[in-house]
């Protein structure tokens, strides 16, 4: 016993010492890990990106695999404070918190196929060793397969023609059997037919177009040459007033995907507002036309500050705010800076959000389809009654009474419509376009909300 006790005491002391050393080493090691890791951590020097559900669009594409949907995800290259990221920065896309393998660069977009249910979409910005916190999560508004999509019914126009004028066309096989836009199976398949209704009016009949890969209602634009009298309708007939023998008629079919290009030239148009007396079509014309400043943008100039002039025109037409030309021109110079280039659409919208234009700050510019049915519907809706459009005009064309000398882009406000076409505000004037010209030249259309 006397010899065993010291051994036990020695063993016990060894265990205590070992335990103390182990805890000390572990504590010291843990402290060392915490201390040494700080310099190696990747700090998030970049703010979160400017990203919302409006930048996640569902694309109507019949070629998407069954059960999937195509999402178009765009990024404006700005952070949440609407400042631009470094040029090399790009955004990694997460779907439902899982890396998708896709990235999107500034002022561009990418398409992703995903199952057709609601998804959470997140952006994470990286630039070298820098990264941002994830953007706020947004969701696609699309929740059902494409075949379940519905549209508002088209307007029902009254039947004005006597039954005796109906030519009873045989339209079997008239529609286009392939392609992305609505059309006819041959150059003559529309069977465009002109009948006399009375001494002052012609009735125009045609066979329906089809759009195997189209989207939305098909609307038809019939134009008379040389006086650019135009009819726009979702029916397969319309009334053309004040026409006489010897006119040449052309027809276009359009839906949300657009129109097929045609070899027919744009018919010159005077720009005078059409008197809306045709009971066959509805009109949307302001009761009183106002005078608008030119804001330094004179007809028929296409570039320059037409973007800022259009914004100021929209603010007067929609909000009733009369802007100072000097202020608008100064803001344009500020946005343009020392560069000699023109502002892109994204740059203008970013400036409008960040710095304001005139007396307003942009909240959102929502892209709309360009087909006449959508345009008229948006103009008839009080909350979107004035729109901003970007046109691509071609040198040599007659645009609303002006001869275009140089091809280029031009911004206008779309303020209403007649059967002939959209009513626009530009160059300090209110002018009439034709639907034929709109279908050719319209590139972008936005409804605007401000803060």
Protein backbone atom coordinates (compact mmCIF):
# COMPACT_ATOMS: atom_id res chain seq x y z
CA UNK A 1 0.00 0.00 0.00
CA UNK A 2 2.76 2.38 0.88
CA UNK A 3 4.37 1.86 -2.53
CA UNK A 4 1.13 1.88 -4.57
CA UNK A 5 -0.13 5.20 -3.26
CA UNK A 6 2.74 7.29 -4.74
CA UNK A 7 2.18 5.58 -8.12
CA UNK A 8 -1.51 6.37 -8.08
CA UNK A 9 -0.73 9.95 -7.06
CA UNK A 10 1.81 10.22 -9.84
CA UNK A 11 -0.67 8.87 -12.42
CA UNK A 12 -3.37 11.24 -11.19
CA UNK A 13 -1.00 14.21 -11.36
CA UNK A 14 0.02 13.18 -14.89
CA UNK A 15 -3.62 13.01 -15.98
CA UNK A 16 -4.33 16.45 -14.53
CA UNK A 17 -1.26 17.89 -16.19
CA UNK A 18 -2.15 16.29 -19.52
CA UNK A 19 -5.71 17.58 -19.28
CA UNK A 20 -4.49 21.10 -18.49
CA UNK A 21 -1.97 21.04 -21.34
CA UNK A 22 -4.60 19.71 -23.77
CA UNK A 23 -7.09 22.43 -22.83
CA UNK A 24 -4.35 25.05 -23.01
CA UNK A 25 -3.21 23.89 -26.44
CA UNK A 26 -6.77 23.63 -27.70
CA UNK A 27 -7.64 27.07 -26.35
CA UNK A 28 -4.44 28.53 -27.73
CA UNK A 29 -4.99 26.81 -31.10
CA UNK A 30 -8.55 28.04 -31.32
CA UNK A 31 -7.44 31.53 -30.42
CA UNK A 32 -4.72 31.25 -33.03
CA UNK A 33 -7.22 30.19 -35.68
CA UNK A 34 -9.45 33.13 -34.92
CA UNK A 35 -6.52 35.51 -34.92
CA UNK A 36 -4.79 34.16 -38.03
CA UNK A 37 -8.01 33.88 -40.12
CA UNK A 38 -8.85 37.58 -40.06
CA UNK A 39 -6.26 38.71 -42.63
CA UNK A 40 -7.30 35.89 -44.99
CA UNK A 41 -11.04 36.48 -44.94
CA UNK A 42 -12.52 37.91 -48.17
CA UNK A 43 -14.27 41.04 -47.09
CA UNK A 44 -17.34 42.23 -48.99
CA UNK A 45 -16.22 45.60 -50.30
CA UNK A 46 -19.03 45.84 -52.88
CA UNK A 47 -22.59 46.91 -52.01
CA UNK A 48 -25.51 44.72 -53.08
CA UNK A 49 -26.69 45.16 -56.69
CA UNK A 50 -29.75 47.05 -57.88
CA UNK A 51 -31.98 44.10 -58.73
CA UNK A 52 -35.73 43.56 -58.66
CA UNK A 53 -38.42 41.24 -59.99
CA UNK A 54 -38.87 43.59 -62.96
CA UNK A 55 -35.49 42.38 -64.22
CA UNK A 56 -36.67 38.76 -64.33
CA UNK A 57 -38.92 38.30 -67.33
CA UNK A 58 -40.70 35.22 -68.58
CA UNK A 59 -40.08 34.71 -72.30
CA UNK A 60 -42.86 33.25 -74.42
CA UNK A 61 -40.89 30.67 -76.35
CA UNK A 62 -42.69 27.57 -77.66
CA UNK A 63 -39.35 25.83 -78.16
CA UNK A 64 -38.75 25.60 -74.41
CA UNK A 65 -38.75 21.93 -73.28
CA UNK A 66 -42.14 20.75 -71.95
CA UNK A 67 -42.64 21.64 -68.31
CA UNK A 68 -39.93 24.32 -68.38
CA UNK A 69 -40.01 28.08 -68.73
CA UNK A 70 -37.43 30.50 -70.11
CA UNK A 71 -36.37 33.31 -67.77
CA UNK A 72 -34.57 36.37 -69.12
CA UNK A 73 -32.46 37.85 -66.31
CA UNK A 74 -30.97 41.29 -66.87
CA UNK A 75 -28.68 43.49 -64.79
CA UNK A 76 -28.11 47.22 -65.22
CA UNK A 77 -24.59 47.16 -63.77
CA UNK A 78 -25.57 49.37 -60.83
CA UNK A 79 -25.46 48.84 -57.08
CA UNK A 80 -28.35 49.51 -54.71
CA UNK A 81 -27.28 53.16 -54.54
CA UNK A 82 -27.50 53.32 -58.36
CA UNK A 83 -23.75 53.75 -58.71
CA UNK A 84 -21.92 51.70 -61.35
CA UNK A 85 -19.71 48.79 -60.32
CA UNK A 86 -16.15 48.50 -61.68
CA UNK A 87 -16.16 47.70 -65.38
CA UNK A 88 -14.93 44.11 -64.90
CA UNK A 89 -17.59 43.19 -62.31
CA UNK A 90 -20.09 40.48 -63.21
CA UNK A 91 -23.04 38.87 -61.47
CA UNK A 92 -23.41 35.20 -60.59
CA UNK A 93 -27.00 33.95 -60.80
CA UNK A 94 -28.49 31.71 -58.11
CA UNK A 95 -31.79 29.90 -58.61
CA UNK A 96 -33.46 28.89 -55.34
CA UNK A 97 -30.14 29.58 -53.53
CA UNK A 98 -28.26 27.14 -55.81
CA UNK A 99 -25.59 28.39 -58.26
CA UNK A 100 -27.04 28.15 -61.75
CA UNK A 101 -23.68 28.17 -63.51
CA UNK A 102 -24.73 31.32 -65.38
CA UNK A 103 -23.36 34.84 -65.04
CA UNK A 104 -24.58 38.16 -66.41
CA UNK A 105 -22.42 41.20 -67.12
CA UNK A 106 -23.38 44.85 -66.72
CA UNK A 107 -26.11 46.18 -69.04
CA UNK A 108 -26.79 42.78 -70.52
CA UNK A 109 -29.05 39.78 -69.97
CA UNK A 110 -29.01 36.00 -70.15
CA UNK A 111 -31.65 33.29 -70.59
CA UNK A 112 -32.09 30.29 -68.29
CA UNK A 113 -34.47 27.32 -68.62
CA UNK A 114 -36.07 26.30 -65.30
CA UNK A 115 -39.13 24.27 -64.28
CA UNK A 116 -42.34 26.30 -64.65
CA UNK A 117 -42.94 27.10 -61.00
CA UNK A 118 -42.13 30.19 -58.94
CA UNK A 119 -38.38 30.53 -58.37
CA UNK A 120 -36.22 32.68 -56.13
CA UNK A 121 -33.56 34.47 -58.19
CA UNK A 122 -30.49 36.02 -56.55
CA UNK A 123 -27.49 37.96 -57.87
CA UNK A 124 -24.02 37.97 -56.29
CA UNK A 125 -21.51 40.46 -57.69
CA UNK A 126 -17.81 39.62 -57.91
CA UNK A 127 -14.81 41.64 -59.05
CA UNK A 128 -11.46 39.96 -58.48
CA UNK A 129 -11.21 39.20 -54.75
CA UNK A 130 -14.12 41.47 -53.97
CA UNK A 131 -17.71 40.37 -53.73
CA UNK A 132 -21.05 41.79 -52.70
CA UNK A 133 -23.72 40.48 -50.37
CA UNK A 134 -26.41 38.61 -52.29
CA UNK A 135 -29.02 40.84 -53.85
CA UNK A 136 -32.49 40.79 -52.46
CA UNK A 137 -34.26 37.71 -53.66
CA UNK A 138 -36.81 38.18 -56.42
CA UNK A 139 -39.34 35.85 -57.95
CA UNK A 140 -40.55 35.13 -61.43
CA UNK A 141 -44.20 36.08 -61.69
CA UNK A 142 -44.77 33.15 -64.04
CA UNK A 143 -46.38 30.24 -62.21
CA UNK A 144 -48.04 28.11 -64.89
CA UNK A 145 -47.00 26.59 -68.22
CA UNK A 146 -47.23 28.75 -71.32
CA UNK A 147 -50.32 26.99 -72.64
CA UNK A 148 -52.27 28.37 -69.67
CA UNK A 149 -51.53 32.00 -70.55
CA UNK A 150 -54.54 34.19 -71.11
CA UNK A 151 -54.97 37.60 -72.69
CA UNK A 152 -57.56 40.28 -72.42
CA UNK A 153 -60.23 39.85 -75.10
CA UNK A 154 -59.81 42.05 -78.16
CA UNK A 155 -62.15 45.01 -78.62
CA UNK A 156 -65.30 44.17 -80.51
CA UNK A 157 -65.85 46.57 -83.39
CA UNK A 158 -69.36 47.02 -84.77
CA UNK A 159 -70.18 45.48 -88.13
CA UNK A 160 -70.68 48.42 -90.46
CA UNK A 161 -70.77 46.74 -93.84
CA UNK A 162 -73.95 45.63 -95.52
CA UNK A 163 -74.02 41.86 -95.75
CA UNK A 164 -74.10 42.13 -99.51
CA UNK A 165 -70.54 43.54 -99.55
CA UNK A 166 -68.97 40.44 -97.94
CA UNK A 167 -66.93 38.69 -100.66
CA UNK A 168 -67.01 35.36 -98.75
CA UNK A 169 -63.34 34.59 -99.31
CA UNK A 170 -62.14 30.99 -99.31
CA UNK A 171 -59.41 31.22 -96.67
CA UNK A 172 -58.42 27.57 -96.30
CA UNK A 173 -54.66 27.27 -95.93
CA UNK A 174 -54.14 31.03 -95.85
CA UNK A 175 -52.08 31.25 -92.66
CA UNK A 176 -48.34 30.94 -92.18
CA UNK A 177 -47.29 27.39 -91.29
CA UNK A 178 -43.85 28.22 -89.84
CA UNK A 179 -41.90 31.13 -88.45
CA UNK A 180 -41.95 33.33 -85.37
CA UNK A 181 -44.25 36.11 -86.57
CA UNK A 182 -47.82 36.08 -87.91
CA UNK A 183 -48.17 35.89 -91.67
CA UNK A 184 -49.64 34.14 -94.69
CA UNK A 185 -48.62 30.98 -96.53
CA UNK A 186 -47.82 32.90 -99.73
CA UNK A 187 -47.58 36.43 -101.08
CA UNK A 188 -51.20 36.33 -102.25
CA UNK A 189 -52.73 34.18 -99.50
CA UNK A 190 -54.16 37.20 -97.65
CA UNK A 191 -56.53 37.73 -100.61
CA UNK A 192 -56.72 41.43 -99.80
CA UNK A 193 -60.02 42.46 -101.37
CA UNK A 194 -61.49 45.94 -101.84
CA UNK A 195 -65.24 46.48 -102.19
CA UNK A 196 -67.28 49.66 -102.48
CA UNK A 197 -69.47 50.41 -99.48
CA UNK A 198 -70.60 53.88 -100.57
CA UNK A 199 -69.17 56.68 -102.74
CA UNK A 200 -66.86 57.85 -99.91
CA UNK A 201 -65.76 54.56 -98.34
CA UNK A 202 -64.17 51.25 -99.27
CA UNK A 203 -64.52 48.02 -97.36
CA UNK A 204 -61.33 45.95 -97.11
CA UNK A 205 -61.50 42.20 -96.51
CA UNK A 206 -58.72 39.64 -96.11
CA UNK A 207 -57.98 36.11 -94.91
CA UNK A 208 -56.62 35.57 -91.41
CA UNK A 209 -52.90 35.22 -90.80
CA UNK A 210 -51.53 32.68 -88.36
CA UNK A 211 -48.51 32.63 -86.05
CA UNK A 212 -47.35 29.08 -85.22
CA UNK A 213 -44.80 30.45 -82.73
CA UNK A 214 -46.56 33.73 -82.00
CA UNK A 215 -47.82 35.38 -78.85
CA UNK A 216 -50.94 37.45 -78.22
CA UNK A 217 -53.69 38.60 -80.52
CA UNK A 218 -52.94 39.23 -84.18
CA UNK A 219 -53.74 42.74 -85.35
CA UNK A 220 -53.84 43.83 -88.98
CA UNK A 221 -52.55 47.08 -90.50
CA UNK A 222 -53.92 48.01 -93.93
CA UNK A 223 -52.32 51.05 -95.58
CA UNK A 224 -53.39 52.91 -98.72
CA UNK A 225 -50.78 54.38 -101.03
CA UNK A 226 -50.05 57.20 -101.66
CA UNK A 227 -52.00 59.05 -98.93
CA UNK A 228 -51.13 56.75 -95.99
CA UNK A 229 -54.73 56.24 -94.89
CA UNK A 230 -54.45 53.35 -92.45
CA UNK A 231 -56.75 50.90 -90.74
CA UNK A 232 -55.72 48.95 -87.62
CA UNK A 233 -57.98 46.18 -86.32
CA UNK A 234 -58.09 42.68 -84.86
CA UNK A 235 -60.91 41.80 -87.31
CA UNK A 236 -60.36 40.59 -90.88
CA UNK A 237 -62.17 43.56 -92.40
CA UNK A 238 -62.17 47.32 -91.96
CA UNK A 239 -63.47 50.54 -93.44
CA UNK A 240 -61.15 52.87 -95.36
CA UNK A 241 -62.70 56.34 -95.63
CA UNK A 242 -61.99 59.02 -98.22
CA UNK A 243 -60.23 56.71 -100.63
CA UNK A 244 -60.70 56.69 -104.39
CA UNK A 245 -60.05 54.34 -107.28
CA UNK A 246 -56.40 53.80 -108.14
CA UNK A 247 -55.16 53.29 -104.56
CA UNK A 248 -52.69 50.53 -103.79
CA UNK A 249 -53.29 48.69 -100.53
CA UNK A 250 -50.81 46.75 -98.40
CA UNK A 251 -51.38 44.65 -95.28
CA UNK A 252 -49.25 43.65 -92.30
CA UNK A 253 -50.01 41.17 -89.52
CA UNK A 254 -48.49 41.82 -86.09
CA UNK A 255 -48.53 40.24 -82.65
CA UNK A 256 -46.29 40.50 -79.58
CA UNK A 257 -43.44 38.82 -81.46
CA UNK A 258 -43.50 41.54 -84.14
CA UNK A 259 -44.13 41.60 -87.90
CA UNK A 260 -42.42 40.01 -90.85
CA UNK A 261 -40.23 42.43 -92.76
CA UNK A 262 -41.85 43.61 -95.97
CA UNK A 263 -40.40 45.02 -99.16
CA UNK A 264 -43.14 47.65 -99.17
CA UNK A 265 -41.79 51.13 -98.40
CA UNK A 266 -43.14 53.26 -95.61
CA UNK A 267 -45.85 55.51 -97.03
CA UNK A 268 -45.15 59.26 -96.53
CA UNK A 269 -47.40 60.82 -93.92
CA UNK A 270 -48.18 64.50 -93.31
CA UNK A 271 -48.08 64.23 -89.51
CA UNK A 272 -51.49 65.93 -89.18
CA UNK A 273 -53.75 64.35 -86.56
CA UNK A 274 -56.45 62.25 -88.20
CA UNK A 275 -60.01 63.29 -87.56
CA UNK A 276 -61.44 60.35 -85.67
CA UNK A 277 -64.80 59.90 -87.33
CA UNK A 278 -64.47 56.24 -88.22
CA UNK A 279 -66.97 54.36 -86.06
CA UNK A 280 -65.17 51.16 -86.97
CA UNK A 281 -62.22 52.01 -84.73
CA UNK A 282 -61.78 53.63 -81.35
CA UNK A 283 -59.72 56.78 -80.73
CA UNK A 284 -57.73 58.11 -77.82
CA UNK A 285 -57.08 61.81 -78.33
CA UNK A 286 -56.61 64.47 -75.66
CA UNK A 287 -59.39 67.05 -75.72
CA UNK A 288 -56.90 69.95 -75.65
CA UNK A 289 -53.49 69.87 -77.30
CA UNK A 290 -50.79 71.62 -75.31
CA UNK A 291 -47.66 73.40 -76.47
CA UNK A 292 -44.38 71.72 -75.57
CA UNK A 293 -40.90 73.30 -75.50
CA UNK A 294 -38.31 71.82 -77.84
CA UNK A 295 -35.73 71.52 -75.02
CA UNK A 296 -33.03 72.16 -77.63
CA UNK A 297 -34.17 69.21 -79.78
CA UNK A 298 -35.29 70.58 -83.14
CA UNK A 299 -36.94 68.70 -86.01
CA UNK A 300 -35.84 66.53 -87.63
CA UNK A 301 -32.85 65.97 -85.31
CA UNK A 302 -32.77 62.38 -84.05
CA UNK A 303 -29.92 62.28 -81.57
CA UNK A 304 -28.72 65.06 -79.30
CA UNK A 305 -30.87 65.38 -76.19
CA UNK A 306 -34.02 63.76 -77.63
CA UNK A 307 -33.99 61.35 -74.68
CA UNK A 308 -34.12 64.13 -72.08
CA UNK A 309 -36.65 66.08 -74.19
CA UNK A 310 -38.89 63.00 -74.26
CA UNK A 311 -38.63 62.65 -70.48
CA UNK A 312 -39.61 66.31 -70.03
CA UNK A 313 -42.50 65.88 -72.50
CA UNK A 314 -43.69 62.82 -70.56
CA UNK A 315 -43.56 64.75 -67.27
CA UNK A 316 -45.74 67.48 -68.77
CA UNK A 317 -48.18 65.10 -70.51
CA UNK A 318 -48.57 62.69 -67.58
CA UNK A 319 -47.85 64.77 -64.47
CA UNK A 320 -48.78 68.23 -65.73
CA UNK A 321 -45.30 69.56 -64.85
CA UNK A 322 -43.93 72.22 -67.20
CA UNK A 323 -40.17 71.86 -67.11
CA UNK A 324 -37.55 74.56 -67.68
CA UNK A 325 -35.71 74.04 -70.99
CA UNK A 326 -32.54 75.45 -69.42
CA UNK A 327 -32.74 72.92 -66.57
CA UNK A 328 -33.37 69.97 -68.90
CA UNK A 329 -30.48 70.97 -71.18
CA UNK A 330 -28.17 71.44 -68.17
CA UNK A 331 -29.09 67.99 -66.83
CA UNK A 332 -28.42 66.47 -70.23
CA UNK A 333 -24.94 68.03 -70.22
CA UNK A 334 -24.36 66.75 -66.69
CA UNK A 335 -25.41 63.21 -67.62
CA UNK A 336 -23.33 63.26 -70.79
CA UNK A 337 -20.24 64.50 -68.95
CA UNK A 338 -17.14 65.04 -71.05
CA UNK A 339 -17.81 62.17 -73.43
CA UNK A 340 -18.85 62.75 -77.01
CA UNK A 341 -21.03 59.66 -77.24
CA UNK A 342 -24.80 59.56 -76.92
CA UNK A 343 -26.47 58.20 -73.80
CA UNK A 344 -27.72 54.62 -73.95
CA UNK A 345 -31.20 53.76 -72.70
CA UNK A 346 -29.73 52.22 -69.55
CA UNK A 347 -27.54 55.24 -68.84
CA UNK A 348 -30.46 57.63 -69.13
CA UNK A 349 -32.70 55.55 -66.88
CA UNK A 350 -29.87 55.23 -64.35
CA UNK A 351 -29.36 59.01 -64.33
CA UNK A 352 -33.11 59.63 -64.01
CA UNK A 353 -33.19 57.30 -60.99
CA UNK A 354 -30.06 58.64 -59.35
CA UNK A 355 -30.10 62.39 -60.04
CA UNK A 356 -33.60 63.14 -61.27
CA UNK A 357 -34.66 64.77 -64.52
CA UNK A 358 -36.68 67.95 -64.32
CA UNK A 359 -38.64 67.66 -61.09
CA UNK A 360 -39.01 63.87 -60.92
CA UNK A 361 -37.04 60.74 -60.06
CA UNK A 362 -37.63 57.54 -61.97
CA UNK A 363 -38.91 54.57 -60.00
CA UNK A 364 -39.29 52.07 -62.82
CA UNK A 365 -39.39 51.93 -66.62
CA UNK A 366 -41.37 48.83 -67.58
CA UNK A 367 -40.85 47.42 -71.06
CA UNK A 368 -44.03 46.76 -73.06
CA UNK A 369 -44.74 44.79 -76.22
CA UNK A 370 -44.78 46.83 -79.40
CA UNK A 371 -47.82 45.37 -81.16
CA UNK A 372 -50.70 47.83 -81.77
CA UNK A 373 -53.12 45.88 -79.57
CA UNK A 374 -50.81 46.24 -76.54
CA UNK A 375 -50.04 49.89 -77.36
CA UNK A 376 -53.73 50.85 -77.52
CA UNK A 377 -54.52 48.88 -74.36
CA UNK A 378 -51.73 50.63 -72.43
CA UNK A 379 -52.82 54.07 -73.65
CA UNK A 380 -56.40 53.31 -72.61
CA UNK A 381 -55.28 52.37 -69.07
CA UNK A 382 -55.19 55.45 -66.80
CA UNK A 383 -52.05 54.43 -64.92
CA UNK A 384 -50.06 53.92 -68.16
CA UNK A 385 -51.80 56.46 -70.39
CA UNK A 386 -48.58 58.15 -71.61
CA UNK A 387 -45.65 56.07 -72.82
CA UNK A 388 -42.06 56.65 -73.94
CA UNK A 389 -40.89 54.96 -77.14
CA UNK A 390 -37.59 54.52 -78.94
CA UNK A 391 -37.77 54.55 -82.74
CA UNK A 392 -35.18 53.59 -85.35
CA UNK A 393 -35.66 55.99 -88.26
CA UNK A 394 -34.07 55.51 -91.67
CA UNK A 395 -32.50 58.16 -93.87
CA UNK A 396 -34.76 59.06 -96.78
CA UNK A 397 -38.00 58.12 -95.02
CA UNK A 398 -40.77 60.63 -94.47
CA UNK A 399 -41.56 60.69 -90.78
CA UNK A 400 -44.72 62.60 -89.80
CA UNK A 401 -44.09 65.20 -92.48
CA UNK A 402 -40.31 65.47 -91.99
CA UNK A 403 -37.69 64.07 -94.34
CA UNK A 404 -35.13 62.12 -92.35
CA UNK A 405 -31.59 63.01 -93.47
CA UNK A 406 -29.61 60.60 -91.30
CA UNK A 407 -30.51 57.20 -89.86
CA UNK A 408 -30.59 56.92 -86.09
CA UNK A 409 -32.56 56.43 -82.89
CA UNK A 410 -35.17 58.86 -81.65
CA UNK A 411 -37.18 59.04 -78.42
CA UNK A 412 -40.80 60.24 -78.40
CA UNK A 413 -43.78 60.28 -76.06
CA UNK A 414 -46.77 58.22 -77.23
CA UNK A 415 -49.79 60.19 -76.08
CA UNK A 416 -52.73 58.56 -77.87
CA UNK A 417 -53.89 56.97 -81.11
CA UNK A 418 -56.32 57.18 -84.00
CA UNK A 419 -57.21 54.50 -86.57
CA UNK A 420 -54.29 55.82 -88.59
CA UNK A 421 -51.66 55.29 -85.90
CA UNK A 422 -50.06 56.54 -82.68
CA UNK A 423 -50.10 60.21 -81.67
CA UNK A 424 -46.65 61.28 -80.51
CA UNK A 425 -45.02 64.29 -78.83
CA UNK A 426 -41.62 65.33 -80.18
CA UNK A 427 -39.71 68.45 -81.24
CA UNK A 428 -42.25 70.56 -79.32
CA UNK A 429 -45.10 69.26 -81.49
CA UNK A 430 -47.92 66.72 -81.44
CA UNK A 431 -47.70 64.58 -84.58
CA UNK A 432 -49.51 61.65 -86.17
CA UNK A 433 -47.62 58.45 -87.03
CA UNK A 434 -49.11 55.62 -89.06
CA UNK A 435 -49.38 52.09 -87.72
CA UNK A 436 -47.38 50.94 -90.73
CA UNK A 437 -44.49 53.17 -89.70
CA UNK A 438 -44.83 52.15 -86.05
CA UNK A 439 -44.61 48.46 -86.96
CA UNK A 440 -41.44 49.16 -88.96
CA UNK A 441 -39.66 51.63 -86.69
CA UNK A 442 -40.62 51.04 -83.04
CA UNK A 443 -37.75 49.45 -81.11
CA UNK A 444 -38.67 49.86 -77.44
CA UNK A 445 -41.72 51.02 -75.47
CA UNK A 446 -41.87 51.78 -71.74
CA UNK A 447 -44.51 52.69 -69.21
CA UNK A 448 -43.09 54.98 -66.54
CA UNK A 449 -43.56 55.27 -62.79
CA UNK A 450 -41.86 57.98 -60.72
CA UNK A 451 -41.13 58.37 -57.04
